[in-house]
Amino acid sequence: MAQYVGKFKCIIMSPNSLVYENEVESVFLTGDDGEYELLAYHYPLLGVLIKGNIVINGVEKLPIRSGVVRFFANECIILIEEDVEETEQVLETTEAKK
């Protein structure tokens, strides 16, 4: 049996740069009311993010200090304040594996 996997556009921005832009299958977030996952064609959403990780497609991890998320018309826009210390640790670990 074939399984449909929908995608949606995900844009993650910080005050300094465009952090991520791509078509994704899922985004897992930590909000002020708990954790949740966004999938294609999710109901419109506006939320506040707290310190934690944004997990993209269950693989890519982006540590954040805080942020806001908007999901509308199959497009997810996330504005973040990056957790610089955590980001540096993730980059060091990734480079060590290479």
C-alpha atoms as a PDB file:
ATOM      1  CA  MET A   1       0.000   0.000   0.000  1.00  0.00           C
ATOM      2  CA  ALA A   2       1.367   3.443  -0.928  1.00  0.00           C
ATOM      3  CA  GLN A   3       1.639   6.050   1.776  1.00  0.00           C
ATOM      4  CA  TYR A   4       1.253   9.757   0.990  1.00  0.00           C
ATOM      5  CA  VAL A   5       3.883  11.992   2.538  1.00  0.00           C
ATOM      6  CA  GLY A   6       2.947  15.651   2.244  1.00  0.00           C
ATOM      7  CA  LYS A   7       5.463  18.453   2.364  1.00  0.00           C
ATOM      8  CA  PHE A   8       5.283  22.098   3.310  1.00  0.00           C
ATOM      9  CA  LYS A   9       7.579  25.092   3.053  1.00  0.00           C
ATOM     10  CA  CYS A  10       9.552  25.856   6.218  1.00  0.00           C
ATOM     11  CA  ILE A  11      11.431  29.111   6.734  1.00  0.00           C
ATOM     12  CA  ILE A  12      13.445  29.738   9.904  1.00  0.00           C
ATOM     13  CA  MET A  13      14.893  33.223  10.445  1.00  0.00           C
ATOM     14  CA  SER A  14      16.911  34.920  13.160  1.00  0.00           C
ATOM     15  CA  PRO A  15      17.473  38.680  13.443  1.00  0.00           C
ATOM     16  CA  ASN A  16      20.864  38.199  11.756  1.00  0.00           C
ATOM     17  CA  SER A  17      20.184  35.729   8.970  1.00  0.00           C
ATOM     18  CA  LEU A  18      18.036  33.233   7.143  1.00  0.00           C
ATOM     19  CA  VAL A  19      18.782  30.059   9.087  1.00  0.00           C
ATOM     20  CA  TYR A  20      16.819  27.478   7.088  1.00  0.00           C
ATOM     21  CA  GLU A  21      14.551  27.341   4.040  1.00  0.00           C
ATOM     22  CA  ASN A  22      13.335  24.135   2.430  1.00  0.00           C
ATOM     23  CA  GLU A  23      10.396  21.801   1.778  1.00  0.00           C
ATOM     24  CA  VAL A  24       9.962  19.511   4.815  1.00  0.00           C
ATOM     25  CA  GLU A  25       7.718  16.660   5.966  1.00  0.00           C
ATOM     26  CA  SER A  26       7.587  17.581   9.673  1.00  0.00           C
ATOM     27  CA  VAL A  27       8.755  20.111  12.244  1.00  0.00           C
ATOM     28  CA  PHE A  28       8.796  19.292  15.960  1.00  0.00           C
ATOM     29  CA  LEU A  29       8.660  22.307  18.313  1.00  0.00           C
ATOM     30  CA  THR A  30       8.651  23.100  22.037  1.00  0.00           C
ATOM     31  CA  GLY A  31       6.034  25.741  22.775  1.00  0.00           C
ATOM     32  CA  ASP A  32       4.931  27.530  25.920  1.00  0.00           C
ATOM     33  CA  ASP A  33       2.016  25.054  26.257  1.00  0.00           C
ATOM     34  CA  GLY A  34       4.025  21.906  25.470  1.00  0.00           C
ATOM     35  CA  GLU A  35       5.556  20.067  22.539  1.00  0.00           C
ATOM     36  CA  TYR A  36       3.907  19.638  19.168  1.00  0.00           C
ATOM     37  CA  GLU A  37       4.621  18.512  15.633  1.00  0.00           C
ATOM     38  CA  LEU A  38       3.579  20.265  12.452  1.00  0.00           C
ATOM     39  CA  LEU A  39       2.785  18.217   9.368  1.00  0.00           C
ATOM     40  CA  ALA A  40       1.604  19.219   5.891  1.00  0.00           C
ATOM     41  CA  TYR A  41      -1.779  20.970   5.807  1.00  0.00           C
ATOM     42  CA  HIS A  42      -1.800  21.526   9.577  1.00  0.00           C
ATOM     43  CA  TYR A  43      -4.557  23.736  10.960  1.00  0.00           C
ATOM     44  CA  PRO A  44      -3.501  27.447  11.030  1.00  0.00           C
ATOM     45  CA  LEU A  45      -1.357  28.103  14.091  1.00  0.00           C
ATOM     46  CA  LEU A  46       0.353  30.985  15.873  1.00  0.00           C
ATOM     47  CA  GLY A  47       2.534  30.072  18.861  1.00  0.00           C
ATOM     48  CA  VAL A  48       5.340  31.059  21.207  1.00  0.00           C
ATOM     49  CA  LEU A  49       8.461  28.888  21.394  1.00  0.00           C
ATOM     50  CA  ILE A  50      10.645  28.408  24.456  1.00  0.00           C
ATOM     51  CA  LYS A  51      14.227  27.204  24.908  1.00  0.00           C
ATOM     52  CA  GLY A  52      14.645  23.841  23.253  1.00  0.00           C
ATOM     53  CA  ASN A  53      15.221  22.359  19.823  1.00  0.00           C
ATOM     54  CA  ILE A  54      13.485  22.616  16.487  1.00  0.00           C
ATOM     55  CA  VAL A  55      13.678  19.138  14.947  1.00  0.00           C
ATOM     56  CA  ILE A  56      13.207  19.044  11.189  1.00  0.00           C
ATOM     57  CA  ASN A  57      12.136  15.751   9.532  1.00  0.00           C
ATOM     58  CA  GLY A  58      13.140  13.916  12.697  1.00  0.00           C
ATOM     59  CA  VAL A  59      16.809  14.381  11.815  1.00  0.00           C
ATOM     60  CA  GLU A  60      18.078  17.964  11.769  1.00  0.00           C
ATOM     61  CA  LYS A  61      18.245  19.691  15.158  1.00  0.00           C
ATOM     62  CA  LEU A  62      18.409  23.462  15.684  1.00  0.00           C
ATOM     63  CA  PRO A  63      18.773  24.725  19.281  1.00  0.00           C
ATOM     64  CA  ILE A  64      16.896  27.939  20.060  1.00  0.00           C
ATOM     65  CA  ARG A  65      16.530  30.282  23.017  1.00  0.00           C
ATOM     66  CA  SER A  66      13.034  31.521  22.093  1.00  0.00           C
ATOM     67  CA  GLY A  67      10.847  32.327  19.118  1.00  0.00           C
ATOM     68  CA  VAL A  68       7.449  32.490  17.464  1.00  0.00           C
ATOM     69  CA  VAL A  69       5.884  30.209  14.853  1.00  0.00           C
ATOM     70  CA  ARG A  70       3.170  30.838  12.263  1.00  0.00           C
ATOM     71  CA  PHE A  71       1.689  28.063  10.149  1.00  0.00           C
ATOM     72  CA  PHE A  72      -0.760  29.145   7.455  1.00  0.00           C
ATOM     73  CA  ALA A  73      -1.556  27.992   3.899  1.00  0.00           C
ATOM     74  CA  ASN A  74       0.907  25.081   4.150  1.00  0.00           C
ATOM     75  CA  GLU A  75       3.806  27.415   4.982  1.00  0.00           C
ATOM     76  CA  CYS A  76       5.642  27.509   8.306  1.00  0.00           C
ATOM     77  CA  ILE A  77       7.530  30.653   9.282  1.00  0.00           C
ATOM     78  CA  ILE A  78       9.578  30.539  12.470  1.00  0.00           C
ATOM     79  CA  LEU A  79      11.329  33.603  13.905  1.00  0.00           C
ATOM     80  CA  ILE A  80      13.952  32.618  16.469  1.00  0.00           C
ATOM     81  CA  GLU A  81      16.570  33.847  18.864  1.00  0.00           C
ATOM     82  CA  GLU A  82      19.404  31.381  18.393  1.00  0.00           C
ATOM     83  CA  ASP A  83      21.025  29.623  21.341  1.00  0.00           C
ATOM     84  CA  VAL A  84      24.603  30.418  20.321  1.00  0.00           C
ATOM     85  CA  GLU A  85      26.290  28.171  22.902  1.00  0.00           C
ATOM     86  CA  GLU A  86      24.184  25.127  21.956  1.00  0.00           C
ATOM     87  CA  THR A  87      24.631  25.796  18.222  1.00  0.00           C
ATOM     88  CA  GLU A  88      28.416  25.846  18.618  1.00  0.00           C
ATOM     89  CA  GLN A  89      28.323  22.509  20.495  1.00  0.00           C
ATOM     90  CA  VAL A  90      26.165  20.918  17.766  1.00  0.00           C
ATOM     91  CA  LEU A  91      28.552  22.186  15.050  1.00  0.00           C
ATOM     92  CA  GLU A  92      31.596  20.866  16.936  1.00  0.00           C
ATOM     93  CA  THR A  93      29.961  17.447  17.338  1.00  0.00           C
ATOM     94  CA  THR A  94      28.989  17.353  13.646  1.00  0.00           C
ATOM     95  CA  GLU A  95      32.537  18.286  12.558  1.00  0.00           C
ATOM     96  CA  ALA A  96      34.062  15.669  14.865  1.00  0.00           C
ATOM     97  CA  LYS A  97      31.942  12.937  13.219  1.00  0.00           C
ATOM     98  CA  LYS A  98      33.305  13.811   9.749  1.00  0.00           C
END
